[in-house]
C-alpha atoms as a PDB file:
ATOM      1  CA  UNK A   1     -21.998  -2.196  11.237  1.00  0.00           C
ATOM      2  CA  UNK A   2     -19.055  -1.059  13.368  1.00  0.00           C
ATOM      3  CA  UNK A   3     -17.595   1.459  10.918  1.00  0.00           C
ATOM      4  CA  UNK A   4     -14.234  -0.300  11.023  1.00  0.00           C
ATOM      5  CA  UNK A   5     -12.540  -1.630   7.939  1.00  0.00           C
ATOM      6  CA  UNK A   6      -9.384  -3.389   6.915  1.00  0.00           C
ATOM      7  CA  UNK A   7      -6.449  -1.407   5.562  1.00  0.00           C
ATOM      8  CA  UNK A   8      -3.781  -3.155   3.534  1.00  0.00           C
ATOM      9  CA  UNK A   9      -0.443  -1.430   2.938  1.00  0.00           C
ATOM     10  CA  UNK A  10       2.059  -2.391   0.261  1.00  0.00           C
ATOM     11  CA  UNK A  11       5.504  -0.971  -0.509  1.00  0.00           C
ATOM     12  CA  UNK A  12       4.720  -0.572  -4.213  1.00  0.00           C
ATOM     13  CA  UNK A  13       2.247  -1.308  -6.979  1.00  0.00           C
ATOM     14  CA  UNK A  14       4.236  -4.316  -8.185  1.00  0.00           C
ATOM     15  CA  UNK A  15       3.733  -6.037  -4.816  1.00  0.00           C
ATOM     16  CA  UNK A  16      -0.020  -5.457  -5.076  1.00  0.00           C
ATOM     17  CA  UNK A  17      -0.028  -6.920  -8.592  1.00  0.00           C
ATOM     18  CA  UNK A  18       2.020  -9.900  -7.449  1.00  0.00           C
ATOM     19  CA  UNK A  19      -0.395 -10.599  -4.619  1.00  0.00           C
ATOM     20  CA  UNK A  20      -3.498 -10.258  -6.792  1.00  0.00           C
ATOM     21  CA  UNK A  21      -2.174 -11.906  -9.933  1.00  0.00           C
ATOM     22  CA  UNK A  22       0.308 -14.453  -8.628  1.00  0.00           C
ATOM     23  CA  UNK A  23       0.712 -16.480 -11.821  1.00  0.00           C
ATOM     24  CA  UNK A  24       3.931 -17.910 -13.226  1.00  0.00           C
ATOM     25  CA  UNK A  25       2.339 -18.248 -16.644  1.00  0.00           C
ATOM     26  CA  UNK A  26       1.627 -14.538 -16.950  1.00  0.00           C
ATOM     27  CA  UNK A  27       4.136 -11.772 -16.619  1.00  0.00           C
ATOM     28  CA  UNK A  28       3.481  -8.095 -16.065  1.00  0.00           C
ATOM     29  CA  UNK A  29       6.278  -5.834 -17.159  1.00  0.00           C
ATOM     30  CA  UNK A  30       5.276  -2.338 -16.050  1.00  0.00           C
ATOM     31  CA  UNK A  31       8.303  -0.521 -17.446  1.00  0.00           C
ATOM     32  CA  UNK A  32      11.383  -1.205 -19.567  1.00  0.00           C
ATOM     33  CA  UNK A  33      14.122  -3.037 -17.718  1.00  0.00           C
ATOM     34  CA  UNK A  34      11.687  -4.653 -15.259  1.00  0.00           C
ATOM     35  CA  UNK A  35      10.872  -8.349 -15.363  1.00  0.00           C
ATOM     36  CA  UNK A  36       7.954  -9.352 -13.142  1.00  0.00           C
ATOM     37  CA  UNK A  37       6.839 -12.921 -12.721  1.00  0.00           C
ATOM     38  CA  UNK A  38       4.374 -13.612  -9.931  1.00  0.00           C
ATOM     39  CA  UNK A  39       6.016 -12.412  -6.714  1.00  0.00           C
ATOM     40  CA  UNK A  40       9.423 -12.083  -8.391  1.00  0.00           C
ATOM     41  CA  UNK A  41      10.513  -8.648  -9.633  1.00  0.00           C
ATOM     42  CA  UNK A  42      13.869  -7.921 -11.256  1.00  0.00           C
ATOM     43  CA  UNK A  43      14.522  -4.242 -11.969  1.00  0.00           C
ATOM     44  CA  UNK A  44      17.623  -3.975 -14.132  1.00  0.00           C
ATOM     45  CA  UNK A  45      17.571  -0.157 -14.175  1.00  0.00           C
ATOM     46  CA  UNK A  46      17.659   0.070 -10.366  1.00  0.00           C
ATOM     47  CA  UNK A  47      19.857  -3.024 -10.094  1.00  0.00           C
ATOM     48  CA  UNK A  48      17.425  -4.657  -7.666  1.00  0.00           C
ATOM     49  CA  UNK A  49      15.590  -7.930  -7.356  1.00  0.00           C
ATOM     50  CA  UNK A  50      12.860  -8.857  -4.890  1.00  0.00           C
ATOM     51  CA  UNK A  51      10.665 -11.758  -3.904  1.00  0.00           C
ATOM     52  CA  UNK A  52       7.296 -10.840  -2.408  1.00  0.00           C
ATOM     53  CA  UNK A  53       8.476  -7.272  -1.810  1.00  0.00           C
ATOM     54  CA  UNK A  54      11.624  -8.353   0.056  1.00  0.00           C
ATOM     55  CA  UNK A  55      14.970  -7.467  -1.509  1.00  0.00           C
ATOM     56  CA  UNK A  56      17.138 -10.337  -2.741  1.00  0.00           C
ATOM     57  CA  UNK A  57      20.857  -9.769  -2.085  1.00  0.00           C
ATOM     58  CA  UNK A  58      22.039 -10.679  -5.577  1.00  0.00           C
ATOM     59  CA  UNK A  59      25.230  -9.799  -7.391  1.00  0.00           C
ATOM     60  CA  UNK A  60      24.969  -8.246 -10.853  1.00  0.00           C
ATOM     61  CA  UNK A  61      25.647 -11.589 -12.515  1.00  0.00           C
ATOM     62  CA  UNK A  62      23.053 -13.420 -10.389  1.00  0.00           C
ATOM     63  CA  UNK A  63      20.474 -10.701 -11.061  1.00  0.00           C
ATOM     64  CA  UNK A  64      21.164 -10.771 -14.803  1.00  0.00           C
ATOM     65  CA  UNK A  65      20.842 -14.569 -14.934  1.00  0.00           C
ATOM     66  CA  UNK A  66      17.572 -14.380 -12.984  1.00  0.00           C
ATOM     67  CA  UNK A  67      16.235 -11.641 -15.276  1.00  0.00           C
ATOM     68  CA  UNK A  68      17.039 -13.744 -18.336  1.00  0.00           C
ATOM     69  CA  UNK A  69      15.427 -16.883 -16.911  1.00  0.00           C
ATOM     70  CA  UNK A  70      12.295 -14.962 -15.828  1.00  0.00           C
ATOM     71  CA  UNK A  71      11.861 -13.187 -19.177  1.00  0.00           C
ATOM     72  CA  UNK A  72       8.863 -14.282 -21.199  1.00  0.00           C
ATOM     73  CA  UNK A  73       8.380 -16.709 -22.678  1.00  0.00           C
ATOM     74  CA  UNK A  74       9.653 -19.048 -19.970  1.00  0.00           C
ATOM     75  CA  UNK A  75      11.967 -21.561 -21.591  1.00  0.00           C
ATOM     76  CA  UNK A  76      15.243 -23.406 -21.215  1.00  0.00           C
ATOM     77  CA  UNK A  77      18.203 -21.097 -21.722  1.00  0.00           C
ATOM     78  CA  UNK A  78      21.307 -22.817 -23.053  1.00  0.00           C
ATOM     79  CA  UNK A  79      24.689 -22.173 -21.464  1.00  0.00           C
ATOM     80  CA  UNK A  80      25.634 -20.323 -24.653  1.00  0.00           C
ATOM     81  CA  UNK A  81      22.567 -18.047 -24.535  1.00  0.00           C
ATOM     82  CA  UNK A  82      23.004 -17.229 -20.851  1.00  0.00           C
ATOM     83  CA  UNK A  83      26.719 -16.599 -21.184  1.00  0.00           C
ATOM     84  CA  UNK A  84      26.363 -14.289 -24.165  1.00  0.00           C
ATOM     85  CA  UNK A  85      23.466 -12.373 -22.573  1.00  0.00           C
ATOM     86  CA  UNK A  86      24.897 -12.033 -19.050  1.00  0.00           C
ATOM     87  CA  UNK A  87      28.645 -11.879 -19.625  1.00  0.00           C
ATOM     88  CA  UNK A  88      28.376 -10.178 -23.016  1.00  0.00           C
ATOM     89  CA  UNK A  89      31.184 -12.225 -24.500  1.00  0.00           C
ATOM     90  CA  UNK A  90      31.625 -15.173 -26.833  1.00  0.00           C
ATOM     91  CA  UNK A  91      30.972 -18.504 -25.161  1.00  0.00           C
ATOM     92  CA  UNK A  92      34.057 -20.723 -25.184  1.00  0.00           C
ATOM     93  CA  UNK A  93      32.247 -23.960 -24.262  1.00  0.00           C
ATOM     94  CA  UNK A  94      33.070 -23.539 -20.562  1.00  0.00           C
ATOM     95  CA  UNK A  95      29.899 -23.703 -18.483  1.00  0.00           C
ATOM     96  CA  UNK A  96      31.750 -23.296 -15.153  1.00  0.00           C
ATOM     97  CA  UNK A  97      31.003 -19.561 -14.817  1.00  0.00           C
ATOM     98  CA  UNK A  98      27.315 -20.119 -15.546  1.00  0.00           C
ATOM     99  CA  UNK A  99      27.091 -23.102 -13.172  1.00  0.00           C
ATOM    100  CA  UNK A 100      28.812 -21.220 -10.361  1.00  0.00           C
ATOM    101  CA  UNK A 101      26.512 -18.208 -10.701  1.00  0.00           C
ATOM    102  CA  UNK A 102      23.403 -20.419 -10.852  1.00  0.00           C
ATOM    103  CA  UNK A 103      24.535 -22.323  -7.740  1.00  0.00           C
ATOM    104  CA  UNK A 104      24.780 -19.080  -5.741  1.00  0.00           C
ATOM    105  CA  UNK A 105      21.462 -17.844  -7.163  1.00  0.00           C
ATOM    106  CA  UNK A 106      19.699 -21.073  -6.157  1.00  0.00           C
ATOM    107  CA  UNK A 107      20.948 -20.716  -2.593  1.00  0.00           C
ATOM    108  CA  UNK A 108      19.717 -17.133  -2.335  1.00  0.00           C
ATOM    109  CA  UNK A 109      16.291 -18.035  -3.729  1.00  0.00           C
ATOM    110  CA  UNK A 110      16.025 -20.850  -1.143  1.00  0.00           C
ATOM    111  CA  UNK A 111      17.039 -18.469   1.672  1.00  0.00           C
ATOM    112  CA  UNK A 112      14.279 -16.076   0.577  1.00  0.00           C
ATOM    113  CA  UNK A 113      11.736 -18.966   0.612  1.00  0.00           C
ATOM    114  CA  UNK A 114      10.969 -18.202  -3.019  1.00  0.00           C
ATOM    115  CA  UNK A 115       8.626 -20.601  -4.744  1.00  0.00           C
ATOM    116  CA  UNK A 116      10.538 -20.287  -7.991  1.00  0.00           C
ATOM    117  CA  UNK A 117      13.689 -22.272  -8.602  1.00  0.00           C
ATOM    118  CA  UNK A 118      16.347 -22.657 -11.247  1.00  0.00           C
ATOM    119  CA  UNK A 119      16.040 -26.105 -12.784  1.00  0.00           C
ATOM    120  CA  UNK A 120      18.768 -27.825 -14.768  1.00  0.00           C
ATOM    121  CA  UNK A 121      18.177 -29.140 -18.240  1.00  0.00           C
ATOM    122  CA  UNK A 122      21.000 -31.685 -18.163  1.00  0.00           C
ATOM    123  CA  UNK A 123      23.712 -30.875 -20.653  1.00  0.00           C
ATOM    124  CA  UNK A 124      21.710 -27.979 -22.113  1.00  0.00           C
ATOM    125  CA  UNK A 125      21.183 -25.151 -19.620  1.00  0.00           C
ATOM    126  CA  UNK A 126      18.643 -23.817 -17.133  1.00  0.00           C
ATOM    127  CA  UNK A 127      15.043 -22.715 -16.770  1.00  0.00           C
ATOM    128  CA  UNK A 128      12.958 -21.033 -14.071  1.00  0.00           C
ATOM    129  CA  UNK A 129      10.185 -23.204 -12.611  1.00  0.00           C
ATOM    130  CA  UNK A 130       7.503 -23.021  -9.955  1.00  0.00           C
ATOM    131  CA  UNK A 131       8.881 -25.009  -7.023  1.00  0.00           C
ATOM    132  CA  UNK A 132       5.850 -24.569  -4.725  1.00  0.00           C
ATOM    133  CA  UNK A 133       4.125 -27.753  -3.616  1.00  0.00           C
ATOM    134  CA  UNK A 134       0.944 -28.180  -5.652  1.00  0.00           C
ATOM    135  CA  UNK A 135       1.764 -24.973  -7.530  1.00  0.00           C
ATOM    136  CA  UNK A 136       0.754 -22.846  -4.501  1.00  0.00           C
ATOM    137  CA  UNK A 137       2.612 -19.653  -3.582  1.00  0.00           C
END
């Protein structure tokens, strides 16, 4: 035995959890205002989002949409539900604001090589899905 070992360093406990328990079906929410789903963490209190410990450069609207989509249970969010939750106003049957925000969010998730993606439910709304080939992260 050489007396040498391996040391792993992580920026925070959430990154360790994400690495050990990388599972889109289960979500660990360590504190209020934090949505954690696999390697994705959205901290509403700190106004931050990260993928695999790396910060995602999201606007408030993009972060709020992502937090809603990642909240358990995973489901399809209608345009109405997203608009009322994120914009905090009555939905006037105009999905353009939601579509525009989701388009920018999708691009930023792709740039970060995230294995989650925003999927369209045609004519209904959006959901968050595992986009990794073979479900691997």
